[in-house]
PDB file of N, CA and C in Angstrom:
ATOM      1  N   UNK A   1       0.724  -1.084  -0.331  1.00  0.00           N
ATOM      2  CA  UNK A   1      -0.009   0.028   0.019  1.00  0.00           C
ATOM      3  C   UNK A   1       0.641   1.151   0.193  1.00  0.00           C
ATOM      4  N   UNK A   2       0.565   2.157  -0.805  1.00  0.00           N
ATOM      5  CA  UNK A   2       1.356   3.154  -0.760  1.00  0.00           C
ATOM      6  C   UNK A   2       0.624   4.573  -0.306  1.00  0.00           C
ATOM      7  N   UNK A   3       0.758   5.394   0.533  1.00  0.00           N
ATOM      8  CA  UNK A   3       0.123   6.275   0.892  1.00  0.00           C
ATOM      9  C   UNK A   3       1.320   7.672   1.017  1.00  0.00           C
ATOM     10  N   UNK A   4       1.268   8.571   1.414  1.00  0.00           N
ATOM     11  CA  UNK A   4       2.074   9.699   1.277  1.00  0.00           C
ATOM     12  C   UNK A   4       3.711   9.259   1.541  1.00  0.00           C
ATOM     13  N   UNK A   5       3.050   8.209   2.355  1.00  0.00           N
ATOM     14  CA  UNK A   5       4.591   7.515   3.370  1.00  0.00           C
ATOM     15  C   UNK A   5       4.118   6.028   2.836  1.00  0.00           C
ATOM     16  N   UNK A   6       5.392   5.470   2.867  1.00  0.00           N
ATOM     17  CA  UNK A   6       4.765   3.866   2.762  1.00  0.00           C
ATOM     18  C   UNK A   6       4.087   3.428   3.997  1.00  0.00           C
ATOM     19  N   UNK A   7       3.418   2.399   4.292  1.00  0.00           N
ATOM     20  CA  UNK A   7       2.598   2.241   5.650  1.00  0.00           C
ATOM     21  C   UNK A   7       2.711   0.257   4.890  1.00  0.00           C
ATOM     22  N   UNK A   8       2.472  -0.684   6.153  1.00  0.00           N
ATOM     23  CA  UNK A   8       2.015  -1.537   6.128  1.00  0.00           C
ATOM     24  C   UNK A   8       1.064  -2.258   6.549  1.00  0.00           C
ATOM     25  N   UNK A   9       0.427  -2.500   5.732  1.00  0.00           N
ATOM     26  CA  UNK A   9      -1.297  -2.438   5.442  1.00  0.00           C
ATOM     27  C   UNK A   9      -1.626  -4.033   6.012  1.00  0.00           C
ATOM     28  N   UNK A  10      -0.608  -4.922   5.992  1.00  0.00           N
ATOM     29  CA  UNK A  10      -1.212  -6.338   6.195  1.00  0.00           C
ATOM     30  C   UNK A  10      -0.482  -6.241   7.734  1.00  0.00           C
ATOM     31  N   UNK A  11       0.590  -5.273   8.389  1.00  0.00           N
ATOM     32  CA  UNK A  11       0.584  -5.559   9.893  1.00  0.00           C
ATOM     33  C   UNK A  11      -0.592  -4.875  10.492  1.00  0.00           C
ATOM     34  N   UNK A  12      -1.214  -4.016  10.129  1.00  0.00           N
ATOM     35  CA  UNK A  12      -2.385  -3.460  10.439  1.00  0.00           C
ATOM     36  C   UNK A  12      -3.460  -4.671  10.617  1.00  0.00           C
ATOM     37  N   UNK A  13      -3.740  -5.090   9.515  1.00  0.00           N
ATOM     38  CA  UNK A  13      -4.931  -5.946   9.588  1.00  0.00           C
ATOM     39  C   UNK A  13      -4.632  -6.842  10.260  1.00  0.00           C
ATOM     40  N   UNK A  14      -3.502  -7.476  10.393  1.00  0.00           N
ATOM     41  CA  UNK A  14      -3.361  -8.885  11.456  1.00  0.00           C
ATOM     42  C   UNK A  14      -3.435  -8.110  12.606  1.00  0.00           C
ATOM     43  N   UNK A  15      -3.022  -7.108  12.971  1.00  0.00           N
ATOM     44  CA  UNK A  15      -2.851  -6.558  14.678  1.00  0.00           C
ATOM     45  C   UNK A  15      -4.525  -6.634  15.014  1.00  0.00           C
ATOM     46  N   UNK A  16      -4.967  -5.795  13.923  1.00  0.00           N
ATOM     47  CA  UNK A  16      -6.637  -5.689  14.298  1.00  0.00           C
ATOM     48  C   UNK A  16      -7.352  -7.004  14.600  1.00  0.00           C
ATOM     49  N   UNK A  17      -6.730  -7.689  13.838  1.00  0.00           N
ATOM     50  CA  UNK A  17      -7.823  -9.469  13.721  1.00  0.00           C
ATOM     51  C   UNK A  17      -7.075 -10.011  14.951  1.00  0.00           C
ATOM     52  N   UNK A  18      -5.864  -9.799  15.345  1.00  0.00           N
ATOM     53  CA  UNK A  18      -5.363 -10.971  16.672  1.00  0.00           C
ATOM     54  C   UNK A  18      -6.146  -9.855  18.228  1.00  0.00           C
ATOM     55  N   UNK A  19      -6.224  -8.452  17.991  1.00  0.00           N
ATOM     56  CA  UNK A  19      -6.491  -8.313  19.037  1.00  0.00           C
ATOM     57  C   UNK A  19      -8.267  -8.159  18.769  1.00  0.00           C
ATOM     58  N   UNK A  20      -8.745  -8.349  18.001  1.00  0.00           N
ATOM     59  CA  UNK A  20     -10.287  -8.430  17.783  1.00  0.00           C
ATOM     60  C   UNK A  20     -11.238  -9.426  17.046  1.00  0.00           C
ATOM     61  N   UNK A  21     -10.193 -10.296  16.103  1.00  0.00           N
ATOM     62  CA  UNK A  21     -10.807 -11.522  15.818  1.00  0.00           C
ATOM     63  C   UNK A  21     -11.738 -12.347  16.368  1.00  0.00           C
ATOM     64  N   UNK A  22     -11.787 -12.685  17.796  1.00  0.00           N
ATOM     65  CA  UNK A  22     -12.491 -13.386  18.852  1.00  0.00           C
ATOM     66  C   UNK A  22     -13.793 -13.270  19.111  1.00  0.00           C
ATOM     67  N   UNK A  23     -14.181 -11.434  19.036  1.00  0.00           N
ATOM     68  CA  UNK A  23     -15.293 -11.416  19.580  1.00  0.00           C
ATOM     69  C   UNK A  23     -15.529 -10.377  18.526  1.00  0.00           C
ATOM     70  N   UNK A  24     -15.095  -9.093  17.792  1.00  0.00           N
ATOM     71  CA  UNK A  24     -15.851  -8.139  17.387  1.00  0.00           C
ATOM     72  C   UNK A  24     -15.007  -8.158  15.688  1.00  0.00           C
ATOM     73  N   UNK A  25     -14.665  -8.470  15.184  1.00  0.00           N
ATOM     74  CA  UNK A  25     -14.173  -8.240  13.641  1.00  0.00           C
ATOM     75  C   UNK A  25     -14.232  -9.868  12.843  1.00  0.00           C
ATOM     76  N   UNK A  26     -14.988  -9.660  11.785  1.00  0.00           N
ATOM     77  CA  UNK A  26     -14.722 -10.701  11.493  1.00  0.00           C
ATOM     78  C   UNK A  26     -14.332 -10.993  10.029  1.00  0.00           C
ATOM     79  N   UNK A  27     -14.038  -9.290   9.519  1.00  0.00           N
ATOM     80  CA  UNK A  27     -13.014  -9.563   8.323  1.00  0.00           C
ATOM     81  C   UNK A  27     -12.368  -7.968   8.289  1.00  0.00           C
ATOM     82  N   UNK A  28     -11.006  -7.646   8.076  1.00  0.00           N
ATOM     83  CA  UNK A  28     -10.807  -6.318   7.904  1.00  0.00           C
ATOM     84  C   UNK A  28     -10.048  -5.754   6.690  1.00  0.00           C
ATOM     85  N   UNK A  29      -9.928  -4.803   6.566  1.00  0.00           N
ATOM     86  CA  UNK A  29      -8.562  -4.620   5.689  1.00  0.00           C
ATOM     87  C   UNK A  29      -8.259  -2.600   5.335  1.00  0.00           C
ATOM     88  N   UNK A  30      -7.253  -2.602   5.638  1.00  0.00           N
ATOM     89  CA  UNK A  30      -6.792  -1.283   5.550  1.00  0.00           C
ATOM     90  C   UNK A  30      -6.193  -0.567   4.281  1.00  0.00           C
ATOM     91  N   UNK A  31      -6.946   0.524   3.940  1.00  0.00           N
ATOM     92  CA  UNK A  31      -6.901   1.532   3.137  1.00  0.00           C
ATOM     93  C   UNK A  31      -6.336   2.608   3.560  1.00  0.00           C
ATOM     94  N   UNK A  32      -6.375   3.436   2.373  1.00  0.00           N
ATOM     95  CA  UNK A  32      -5.472   4.729   2.581  1.00  0.00           C
ATOM     96  C   UNK A  32      -4.283   5.399   1.602  1.00  0.00           C
ATOM     97  N   UNK A  33      -4.439   4.897   0.741  1.00  0.00           N
ATOM     98  CA  UNK A  33      -3.435   5.085  -0.882  1.00  0.00           C
ATOM     99  C   UNK A  33      -2.831   6.634  -1.040  1.00  0.00           C
ATOM    100  N   UNK A  34      -1.815   7.756  -0.501  1.00  0.00           N
ATOM    101  CA  UNK A  34      -1.793   8.510  -0.910  1.00  0.00           C
ATOM    102  C   UNK A  34      -2.453  10.082   0.457  1.00  0.00           C
ATOM    103  N   UNK A  35      -2.877   9.179   1.542  1.00  0.00           N
ATOM    104  CA  UNK A  35      -3.414   9.824   2.781  1.00  0.00           C
ATOM    105  C   UNK A  35      -2.411   9.908   3.536  1.00  0.00           C
ATOM    106  N   UNK A  36      -3.158  10.826   4.780  1.00  0.00           N
ATOM    107  CA  UNK A  36      -1.566  11.463   5.613  1.00  0.00           C
ATOM    108  C   UNK A  36      -1.931   9.898   6.919  1.00  0.00           C
ATOM    109  N   UNK A  37      -2.694   9.494   6.722  1.00  0.00           N
ATOM    110  CA  UNK A  37      -2.915   8.154   7.625  1.00  0.00           C
ATOM    111  C   UNK A  37      -4.019   6.971   7.098  1.00  0.00           C
ATOM    112  N   UNK A  38      -3.476   5.599   7.678  1.00  0.00           N
ATOM    113  CA  UNK A  38      -4.340   5.043   7.381  1.00  0.00           C
ATOM    114  C   UNK A  38      -5.575   4.942   7.593  1.00  0.00           C
ATOM    115  N   UNK A  39      -6.651   3.779   7.184  1.00  0.00           N
ATOM    116  CA  UNK A  39      -8.210   3.766   7.553  1.00  0.00           C
ATOM    117  C   UNK A  39      -8.485   2.279   7.498  1.00  0.00           C
ATOM    118  N   UNK A  40      -9.194   1.875   8.473  1.00  0.00           N
ATOM    119  CA  UNK A  40      -9.694   0.283   8.514  1.00  0.00           C
ATOM    120  C   UNK A  40     -10.985   0.265   7.974  1.00  0.00           C
ATOM    121  N   UNK A  41     -11.621  -0.805   7.422  1.00  0.00           N
ATOM    122  CA  UNK A  41     -13.196  -0.862   6.775  1.00  0.00           C
ATOM    123  C   UNK A  41     -13.121  -2.465   7.635  1.00  0.00           C
ATOM    124  N   UNK A  42     -13.462  -2.471   8.631  1.00  0.00           N
ATOM    125  CA  UNK A  42     -14.493  -3.893   9.031  1.00  0.00           C
ATOM    126  C   UNK A  42     -15.828  -4.522   8.918  1.00  0.00           C
ATOM    127  N   UNK A  43     -15.647  -5.851   8.707  1.00  0.00           N
ATOM    128  CA  UNK A  43     -16.749  -6.700   8.988  1.00  0.00           C
ATOM    129  C   UNK A  43     -17.094  -6.870  10.014  1.00  0.00           C
ATOM    130  N   UNK A  44     -18.190  -6.345  10.955  1.00  0.00           N
ATOM    131  CA  UNK A  44     -18.149  -7.022  12.212  1.00  0.00           C
ATOM    132  C   UNK A  44     -18.569  -8.621  12.531  1.00  0.00           C
ATOM    133  N   UNK A  45     -18.119  -8.781  13.533  1.00  0.00           N
ATOM    134  CA  UNK A  45     -18.424 -10.637  13.934  1.00  0.00           C
ATOM    135  C   UNK A  45     -20.091 -10.591  13.975  1.00  0.00           C
ATOM    136  N   UNK A  46     -20.688  -9.885  14.193  1.00  0.00           N
ATOM    137  CA  UNK A  46     -22.243  -9.917  14.526  1.00  0.00           C
ATOM    138  C   UNK A  46     -23.017  -8.712  13.878  1.00  0.00           C
ATOM    139  N   UNK A  47     -23.506  -8.658  12.955  1.00  0.00           N
ATOM    140  CA  UNK A  47     -23.958  -7.648  12.141  1.00  0.00           C
ATOM    141  C   UNK A  47     -25.351  -6.890  12.627  1.00  0.00           C
ATOM    142  N   UNK A  48     -25.923  -7.498  14.032  1.00  0.00           N
ATOM    143  CA  UNK A  48     -26.608  -6.441  14.846  1.00  0.00           C
ATOM    144  C   UNK A  48     -25.683  -5.447  15.209  1.00  0.00           C
ATOM    145  N   UNK A  49     -24.622  -5.268  15.419  1.00  0.00           N
ATOM    146  CA  UNK A  49     -24.137  -3.543  15.783  1.00  0.00           C
ATOM    147  C   UNK A  49     -24.391  -2.635  14.741  1.00  0.00           C
ATOM    148  N   UNK A  50     -24.919  -2.812  13.260  1.00  0.00           N
ATOM    149  CA  UNK A  50     -25.128  -1.979  12.477  1.00  0.00           C
ATOM    150  C   UNK A  50     -26.478  -1.677  12.390  1.00  0.00           C
ATOM    151  N   UNK A  51     -27.185  -2.077  13.551  1.00  0.00           N
ATOM    152  CA  UNK A  51     -28.948  -1.945  13.822  1.00  0.00           C
ATOM    153  C   UNK A  51     -29.282   0.011  14.241  1.00  0.00           C
ATOM    154  N   UNK A  52     -27.817   0.302  15.002  1.00  0.00           N
ATOM    155  CA  UNK A  52     -28.007   1.540  15.639  1.00  0.00           C
ATOM    156  C   UNK A  52     -26.364   2.500  15.171  1.00  0.00           C
ATOM    157  N   UNK A  53     -26.603   3.560  15.010  1.00  0.00           N
ATOM    158  CA  UNK A  53     -25.133   4.340  15.109  1.00  0.00           C
ATOM    159  C   UNK A  53     -24.558   4.009  16.455  1.00  0.00           C
ATOM    160  N   UNK A  54     -25.515   3.775  17.379  1.00  0.00           N
ATOM    161  CA  UNK A  54     -24.926   3.732  18.913  1.00  0.00           C
ATOM    162  C   UNK A  54     -24.019   2.829  18.561  1.00  0.00           C
ATOM    163  N   UNK A  55     -24.867   1.845  18.271  1.00  0.00           N
ATOM    164  CA  UNK A  55     -23.917   0.189  18.624  1.00  0.00           C
ATOM    165  C   UNK A  55     -22.792   0.381  17.555  1.00  0.00           C
ATOM    166  N   UNK A  56     -22.921   1.132  16.536  1.00  0.00           N
ATOM    167  CA  UNK A  56     -21.583   0.986  15.666  1.00  0.00           C
ATOM    168  C   UNK A  56     -20.445   1.798  15.887  1.00  0.00           C
ATOM    169  N   UNK A  57     -20.884   2.986  16.839  1.00  0.00           N
ATOM    170  CA  UNK A  57     -19.538   3.705  17.361  1.00  0.00           C
ATOM    171  C   UNK A  57     -19.234   2.860  18.590  1.00  0.00           C
ATOM    172  N   UNK A  58     -19.952   2.281  19.354  1.00  0.00           N
ATOM    173  CA  UNK A  58     -19.160   1.624  20.620  1.00  0.00           C
ATOM    174  C   UNK A  58     -18.587   0.382  19.896  1.00  0.00           C
ATOM    175  N   UNK A  59     -18.559  -0.123  18.879  1.00  0.00           N
ATOM    176  CA  UNK A  59     -17.804  -1.152  18.351  1.00  0.00           C
ATOM    177  C   UNK A  59     -16.784  -0.654  17.656  1.00  0.00           C
ATOM    178  N   UNK A  60     -16.750   0.672  16.913  1.00  0.00           N
ATOM    179  CA  UNK A  60     -15.328   1.584  16.822  1.00  0.00           C
ATOM    180  C   UNK A  60     -14.677   1.514  17.841  1.00  0.00           C
ATOM    181  N   UNK A  61     -15.126   2.427  18.860  1.00  0.00           N
ATOM    182  CA  UNK A  61     -14.492   2.908  20.275  1.00  0.00           C
ATOM    183  C   UNK A  61     -13.528   1.565  20.752  1.00  0.00           C
ATOM    184  N   UNK A  62     -14.042   0.266  20.694  1.00  0.00           N
ATOM    185  CA  UNK A  62     -13.425  -0.619  21.461  1.00  0.00           C
ATOM    186  C   UNK A  62     -12.394  -1.440  20.357  1.00  0.00           C
ATOM    187  N   UNK A  63     -12.893  -1.484  19.283  1.00  0.00           N
ATOM    188  CA  UNK A  63     -11.472  -1.758  18.446  1.00  0.00           C
ATOM    189  C   UNK A  63     -10.515  -0.719  18.306  1.00  0.00           C
ATOM    190  N   UNK A  64     -10.730   0.719  18.395  1.00  0.00           N
ATOM    191  CA  UNK A  64      -9.541   1.839  18.643  1.00  0.00           C
ATOM    192  C   UNK A  64      -9.247   1.395  19.942  1.00  0.00           C
ATOM    193  N   UNK A  65      -9.541   1.194  20.787  1.00  0.00           N
ATOM    194  CA  UNK A  65      -9.256   0.619  22.329  1.00  0.00           C
ATOM    195  C   UNK A  65      -8.073  -0.175  22.363  1.00  0.00           C
ATOM    196  N   UNK A  66      -8.393  -1.616  21.724  1.00  0.00           N
ATOM    197  CA  UNK A  66      -7.758  -2.260  21.665  1.00  0.00           C
ATOM    198  C   UNK A  66      -6.443  -2.495  20.452  1.00  0.00           C
ATOM    199  N   UNK A  67      -6.908  -1.512  19.471  1.00  0.00           N
ATOM    200  CA  UNK A  67      -4.968  -1.383  18.157  1.00  0.00           C
ATOM    201  C   UNK A  67      -4.906  -0.589  18.904  1.00  0.00           C
ATOM    202  N   UNK A  68      -4.514   0.405  19.501  1.00  0.00           N
ATOM    203  CA  UNK A  68      -4.009   1.558  20.042  1.00  0.00           C
ATOM    204  C   UNK A  68      -2.840   1.175  20.400  1.00  0.00           C
ATOM    205  N   UNK A  69      -2.810  -0.157  21.719  1.00  0.00           N
ATOM    206  CA  UNK A  69      -1.168  -0.227  21.842  1.00  0.00           C
ATOM    207  C   UNK A  69      -0.159  -0.674  20.566  1.00  0.00           C
ATOM    208  N   UNK A  70      -0.726  -1.222  19.725  1.00  0.00           N
ATOM    209  CA  UNK A  70       0.067  -1.208  18.608  1.00  0.00           C
ATOM    210  C   UNK A  70       0.061  -0.370  17.395  1.00  0.00           C
ATOM    211  N   UNK A  71      -0.461   0.667  17.557  1.00  0.00           N
ATOM    212  CA  UNK A  71      -0.355   1.687  16.693  1.00  0.00           C
ATOM    213  C   UNK A  71       0.225   3.034  17.561  1.00  0.00           C
ATOM    214  N   UNK A  72       0.651   2.887  18.866  1.00  0.00           N
ATOM    215  CA  UNK A  72       1.318   3.815  19.287  1.00  0.00           C
ATOM    216  C   UNK A  72       2.995   3.544  18.980  1.00  0.00           C
ATOM    217  N   UNK A  73       3.316   2.259  18.488  1.00  0.00           N
ATOM    218  CA  UNK A  73       4.848   1.822  18.145  1.00  0.00           C
ATOM    219  C   UNK A  73       4.986   2.002  17.003  1.00  0.00           C
ATOM    220  N   UNK A  74       3.840   2.312  16.017  1.00  0.00           N
ATOM    221  CA  UNK A  74       4.332   2.929  14.565  1.00  0.00           C
ATOM    222  C   UNK A  74       4.363   4.223  14.123  1.00  0.00           C
ATOM    223  N   UNK A  75       5.146   4.427  13.069  1.00  0.00           N
ATOM    224  CA  UNK A  75       5.247   5.756  12.941  1.00  0.00           C
ATOM    225  C   UNK A  75       4.329   6.531  12.537  1.00  0.00           C
ATOM    226  N   UNK A  76       4.299   8.032  12.367  1.00  0.00           N
ATOM    227  CA  UNK A  76       2.959   8.780  12.935  1.00  0.00           C
ATOM    228  C   UNK A  76       2.195   9.162  11.410  1.00  0.00           C
ATOM    229  N   UNK A  77       2.437   8.415  10.119  1.00  0.00           N
ATOM    230  CA  UNK A  77       1.918   8.035   9.347  1.00  0.00           C
ATOM    231  C   UNK A  77       1.131   7.056   9.091  1.00  0.00           C
ATOM    232  N   UNK A  78       1.703   5.965   9.752  1.00  0.00           N
ATOM    233  CA  UNK A  78       1.051   4.677   9.863  1.00  0.00           C
ATOM    234  C   UNK A  78       0.086   4.730  10.820  1.00  0.00           C
ATOM    235  N   UNK A  79      -0.440   5.512  11.780  1.00  0.00           N
ATOM    236  CA  UNK A  79      -1.037   5.124  12.962  1.00  0.00           C
ATOM    237  C   UNK A  79      -2.991   5.289  12.277  1.00  0.00           C
ATOM    238  N   UNK A  80      -3.387   4.465  13.195  1.00  0.00           N
ATOM    239  CA  UNK A  80      -5.255   4.976  13.187  1.00  0.00           C
ATOM    240  C   UNK A  80      -5.062   5.006  14.681  1.00  0.00           C
ATOM    241  N   UNK A  81      -5.277   6.732  14.897  1.00  0.00           N
ATOM    242  CA  UNK A  81      -5.728   7.112  15.952  1.00  0.00           C
ATOM    243  C   UNK A  81      -7.349   7.574  16.337  1.00  0.00           C
ATOM    244  N   UNK A  82      -7.905   8.165  15.219  1.00  0.00           N
ATOM    245  CA  UNK A  82      -9.329   8.483  15.319  1.00  0.00           C
ATOM    246  C   UNK A  82     -10.601   7.418  14.945  1.00  0.00           C
ATOM    247  N   UNK A  83     -11.139   7.448  15.967  1.00  0.00           N
ATOM    248  CA  UNK A  83     -12.240   6.503  15.711  1.00  0.00           C
ATOM    249  C   UNK A  83     -12.939   6.758  14.105  1.00  0.00           C
ATOM    250  N   UNK A  84     -13.028   7.664  13.720  1.00  0.00           N
ATOM    251  CA  UNK A  84     -13.440   8.131  12.175  1.00  0.00           C
ATOM    252  C   UNK A  84     -12.875   7.432  11.386  1.00  0.00           C
ATOM    253  N   UNK A  85     -12.065   6.555  11.664  1.00  0.00           N
ATOM    254  CA  UNK A  85     -10.710   6.331  10.013  1.00  0.00           C
ATOM    255  C   UNK A  85     -11.247   4.618  10.484  1.00  0.00           C
ATOM    256  N   UNK A  86     -12.130   4.129  11.487  1.00  0.00           N
ATOM    257  CA  UNK A  86     -12.587   2.945  11.040  1.00  0.00           C
ATOM    258  C   UNK A  86     -14.158   2.769  10.785  1.00  0.00           C
ATOM    259  N   UNK A  87     -13.816   2.421   9.622  1.00  0.00           N
ATOM    260  CA  UNK A  87     -15.361   2.244   9.054  1.00  0.00           C
ATOM    261  C   UNK A  87     -16.047   0.759   9.236  1.00  0.00           C
ATOM    262  N   UNK A  88     -17.442   0.433   9.576  1.00  0.00           N
ATOM    263  CA  UNK A  88     -17.740  -0.699  10.176  1.00  0.00           C
ATOM    264  C   UNK A  88     -18.928  -0.803   8.505  1.00  0.00           C
ATOM    265  N   UNK A  89     -18.890  -2.228   7.585  1.00  0.00           N
ATOM    266  CA  UNK A  89     -20.034  -2.751   6.955  1.00  0.00           C
ATOM    267  C   UNK A  89     -20.333  -3.627   7.097  1.00  0.00           C
ATOM    268  N   UNK A  90     -21.271  -4.212   6.539  1.00  0.00           N
ATOM    269  CA  UNK A  90     -21.871  -5.255   6.732  1.00  0.00           C
ATOM    270  C   UNK A  90     -21.441  -6.217   6.412  1.00  0.00           C
ATOM    271  N   UNK A  91     -21.692  -7.789   7.061  1.00  0.00           N
ATOM    272  CA  UNK A  91     -20.752  -8.759   6.864  1.00  0.00           C
ATOM    273  C   UNK A  91     -20.472  -9.318   5.525  1.00  0.00           C
ATOM    274  N   UNK A  92     -19.521  -9.825   4.710  1.00  0.00           N
ATOM    275  CA  UNK A  92     -19.505 -10.520   3.444  1.00  0.00           C
ATOM    276  C   UNK A  92     -19.733  -9.202   2.109  1.00  0.00           C
ATOM    277  N   UNK A  93     -19.987  -8.116   2.819  1.00  0.00           N
ATOM    278  CA  UNK A  93     -19.924  -7.228   1.532  1.00  0.00           C
ATOM    279  C   UNK A  93     -18.985  -6.548   0.831  1.00  0.00           C
ATOM    280  N   UNK A  94     -18.090  -6.523   1.444  1.00  0.00           N
ATOM    281  CA  UNK A  94     -16.592  -6.048   1.009  1.00  0.00           C
ATOM    282  C   UNK A  94     -16.179  -7.365  -0.091  1.00  0.00           C
ATOM    283  N   UNK A  95     -15.407  -6.323  -1.225  1.00  0.00           N
ATOM    284  CA  UNK A  95     -14.959  -7.537  -2.585  1.00  0.00           C
ATOM    285  C   UNK A  95     -14.107  -8.121  -2.489  1.00  0.00           C
ATOM    286  N   UNK A  96     -14.482  -9.312  -2.590  1.00  0.00           N
ATOM    287  CA  UNK A  96     -13.514 -10.160  -2.630  1.00  0.00           C
ATOM    288  C   UNK A  96     -13.206 -11.085  -3.897  1.00  0.00           C
ATOM    289  N   UNK A  97     -11.995 -11.583  -4.139  1.00  0.00           N
ATOM    290  CA  UNK A  97     -11.806 -12.223  -4.952  1.00  0.00           C
ATOM    291  C   UNK A  97     -12.613 -13.720  -5.662  1.00  0.00           C
ATOM    292  N   UNK A  98     -12.920 -14.028  -6.634  1.00  0.00           N
ATOM    293  CA  UNK A  98     -13.423 -15.222  -6.986  1.00  0.00           C
ATOM    294  C   UNK A  98     -12.513 -16.761  -6.619  1.00  0.00           C
ATOM    295  N   UNK A  99     -11.346 -16.758  -6.492  1.00  0.00           N
ATOM    296  CA  UNK A  99     -10.818 -18.101  -6.377  1.00  0.00           C
ATOM    297  C   UNK A  99     -10.559 -18.498  -5.242  1.00  0.00           C
ATOM    298  N   UNK A 100      -9.822 -17.344  -4.065  1.00  0.00           N
ATOM    299  CA  UNK A 100      -9.578 -17.486  -2.874  1.00  0.00           C
ATOM    300  C   UNK A 100     -10.452 -16.719  -1.670  1.00  0.00           C
ATOM    301  N   UNK A 101     -11.068 -15.732  -2.392  1.00  0.00           N
ATOM    302  CA  UNK A 101     -11.954 -15.126  -1.415  1.00  0.00           C
ATOM    303  C   UNK A 101     -11.275 -14.156  -0.389  1.00  0.00           C
ATOM    304  N   UNK A 102     -10.113 -13.451  -1.238  1.00  0.00           N
ATOM    305  CA  UNK A 102      -9.232 -12.227  -0.436  1.00  0.00           C
ATOM    306  C   UNK A 102      -9.855 -11.249  -0.641  1.00  0.00           C
ATOM    307  N   UNK A 103     -10.124 -10.426   0.066  1.00  0.00           N
ATOM    308  CA  UNK A 103     -10.625  -8.579   0.097  1.00  0.00           C
ATOM    309  C   UNK A 103      -9.647  -8.425  -0.767  1.00  0.00           C
ATOM    310  N   UNK A 104     -10.572  -7.483  -1.889  1.00  0.00           N
ATOM    311  CA  UNK A 104      -9.807  -6.708  -3.109  1.00  0.00           C
ATOM    312  C   UNK A 104      -9.573  -5.064  -2.530  1.00  0.00           C
ATOM    313  N   UNK A 105      -7.958  -4.839  -1.580  1.00  0.00           N
ATOM    314  CA  UNK A 105      -8.180  -3.538  -0.991  1.00  0.00           C
ATOM    315  C   UNK A 105      -8.279  -2.360  -2.373  1.00  0.00           C
ATOM    316  N   UNK A 106      -7.820  -2.870  -3.315  1.00  0.00           N
ATOM    317  CA  UNK A 106      -7.606  -1.471  -4.509  1.00  0.00           C
ATOM    318  C   UNK A 106      -9.812  -1.210  -4.819  1.00  0.00           C
ATOM    319  N   UNK A 107     -10.142  -2.235  -4.758  1.00  0.00           N
ATOM    320  CA  UNK A 107     -11.893  -2.185  -4.927  1.00  0.00           C
ATOM    321  C   UNK A 107     -12.586  -1.352  -3.820  1.00  0.00           C
ATOM    322  N   UNK A 108     -11.818  -1.567  -2.494  1.00  0.00           N
ATOM    323  CA  UNK A 108     -12.602  -0.931  -1.261  1.00  0.00           C
ATOM    324  C   UNK A 108     -12.044   0.431  -1.171  1.00  0.00           C
ATOM    325  N   UNK A 109     -10.550   0.542  -1.557  1.00  0.00           N
ATOM    326  CA  UNK A 109     -10.473   1.552  -1.740  1.00  0.00           C
ATOM    327  C   UNK A 109     -11.140   2.682  -2.678  1.00  0.00           C
ATOM    328  N   UNK A 110     -11.663   2.146  -3.929  1.00  0.00           N
ATOM    329  CA  UNK A 110     -12.300   3.166  -4.687  1.00  0.00           C
ATOM    330  C   UNK A 110     -13.901   3.018  -4.244  1.00  0.00           C
ATOM    331  N   UNK A 111     -14.557   2.239  -3.428  1.00  0.00           N
ATOM    332  CA  UNK A 111     -16.006   2.673  -2.834  1.00  0.00           C
ATOM    333  C   UNK A 111     -15.404   3.472  -1.869  1.00  0.00           C
ATOM    334  N   UNK A 112     -14.197   3.839  -1.004  1.00  0.00           N
ATOM    335  CA  UNK A 112     -14.441   4.752  -0.303  1.00  0.00           C
ATOM    336  C   UNK A 112     -13.734   5.799  -0.292  1.00  0.00           C
ATOM    337  N   UNK A 113     -13.516   6.192  -1.414  1.00  0.00           N
ATOM    338  CA  UNK A 113     -12.578   7.371  -1.647  1.00  0.00           C
ATOM    339  C   UNK A 113     -13.131   8.861  -1.440  1.00  0.00           C
ATOM    340  N   UNK A 114     -14.334   8.965  -1.632  1.00  0.00           N
ATOM    341  CA  UNK A 114     -15.064  10.104  -1.304  1.00  0.00           C
ATOM    342  C   UNK A 114     -15.256  10.294   0.159  1.00  0.00           C
ATOM    343  N   UNK A 115     -15.551   9.420   1.084  1.00  0.00           N
ATOM    344  CA  UNK A 115     -15.361   9.350   2.253  1.00  0.00           C
ATOM    345  C   UNK A 115     -14.027   9.783   2.701  1.00  0.00           C
ATOM    346  N   UNK A 116     -12.910   9.271   2.124  1.00  0.00           N
ATOM    347  CA  UNK A 116     -11.106   9.290   2.504  1.00  0.00           C
ATOM    348  C   UNK A 116     -11.542  10.915   2.074  1.00  0.00           C
ATOM    349  N   UNK A 117     -11.834  11.468   1.185  1.00  0.00           N
ATOM    350  CA  UNK A 117     -11.443  12.822   0.639  1.00  0.00           C
ATOM    351  C   UNK A 117     -12.044  13.731   1.555  1.00  0.00           C
ATOM    352  N   UNK A 118     -13.113  13.444   1.990  1.00  0.00           N
ATOM    353  CA  UNK A 118     -13.701  14.587   2.728  1.00  0.00           C
ATOM    354  C   UNK A 118     -13.105  14.740   4.189  1.00  0.00           C
ATOM    355  N   UNK A 119     -12.725  13.298   4.385  1.00  0.00           N
ATOM    356  CA  UNK A 119     -11.740  13.214   6.084  1.00  0.00           C
ATOM    357  C   UNK A 119     -10.678  14.159   5.893  1.00  0.00           C
ATOM    358  N   UNK A 120      -9.738  13.929   4.595  1.00  0.00           N
ATOM    359  CA  UNK A 120      -8.957  14.852   4.819  1.00  0.00           C
ATOM    360  C   UNK A 120      -8.579  15.949   4.114  1.00  0.00           C
ATOM    361  N   UNK A 121      -9.541  16.502   3.990  1.00  0.00           N
ATOM    362  CA  UNK A 121      -9.858  17.905   3.247  1.00  0.00           C
ATOM    363  C   UNK A 121      -8.749  18.924   4.105  1.00  0.00           C
TER     364      UNK A 121
END
């Protein structure tokens, strides 16, 4: 993943799954090409968190709280320090490859381009 400075997107994803995969996150992808900071898009373990903005915000805060120790050790341009950089989408809604089912980062990047543009104005 290329950003304003290089960022190890895979490490961000692996850490998020290690910290939150058991109870909060079903799948996650890090995005943010050319941005001052990465963002993550996640599919929650349970879709009921999408029923209200309160539940969604609570999930975002829990995820941010758990990933913060990892991000404190990273360079400034590699950190996710704002709850607004965590996007929550329904399970199985992220675009995947046909063969192995891996999440297609470039497609997700395109889907969230407008939101990222607005955030980093």
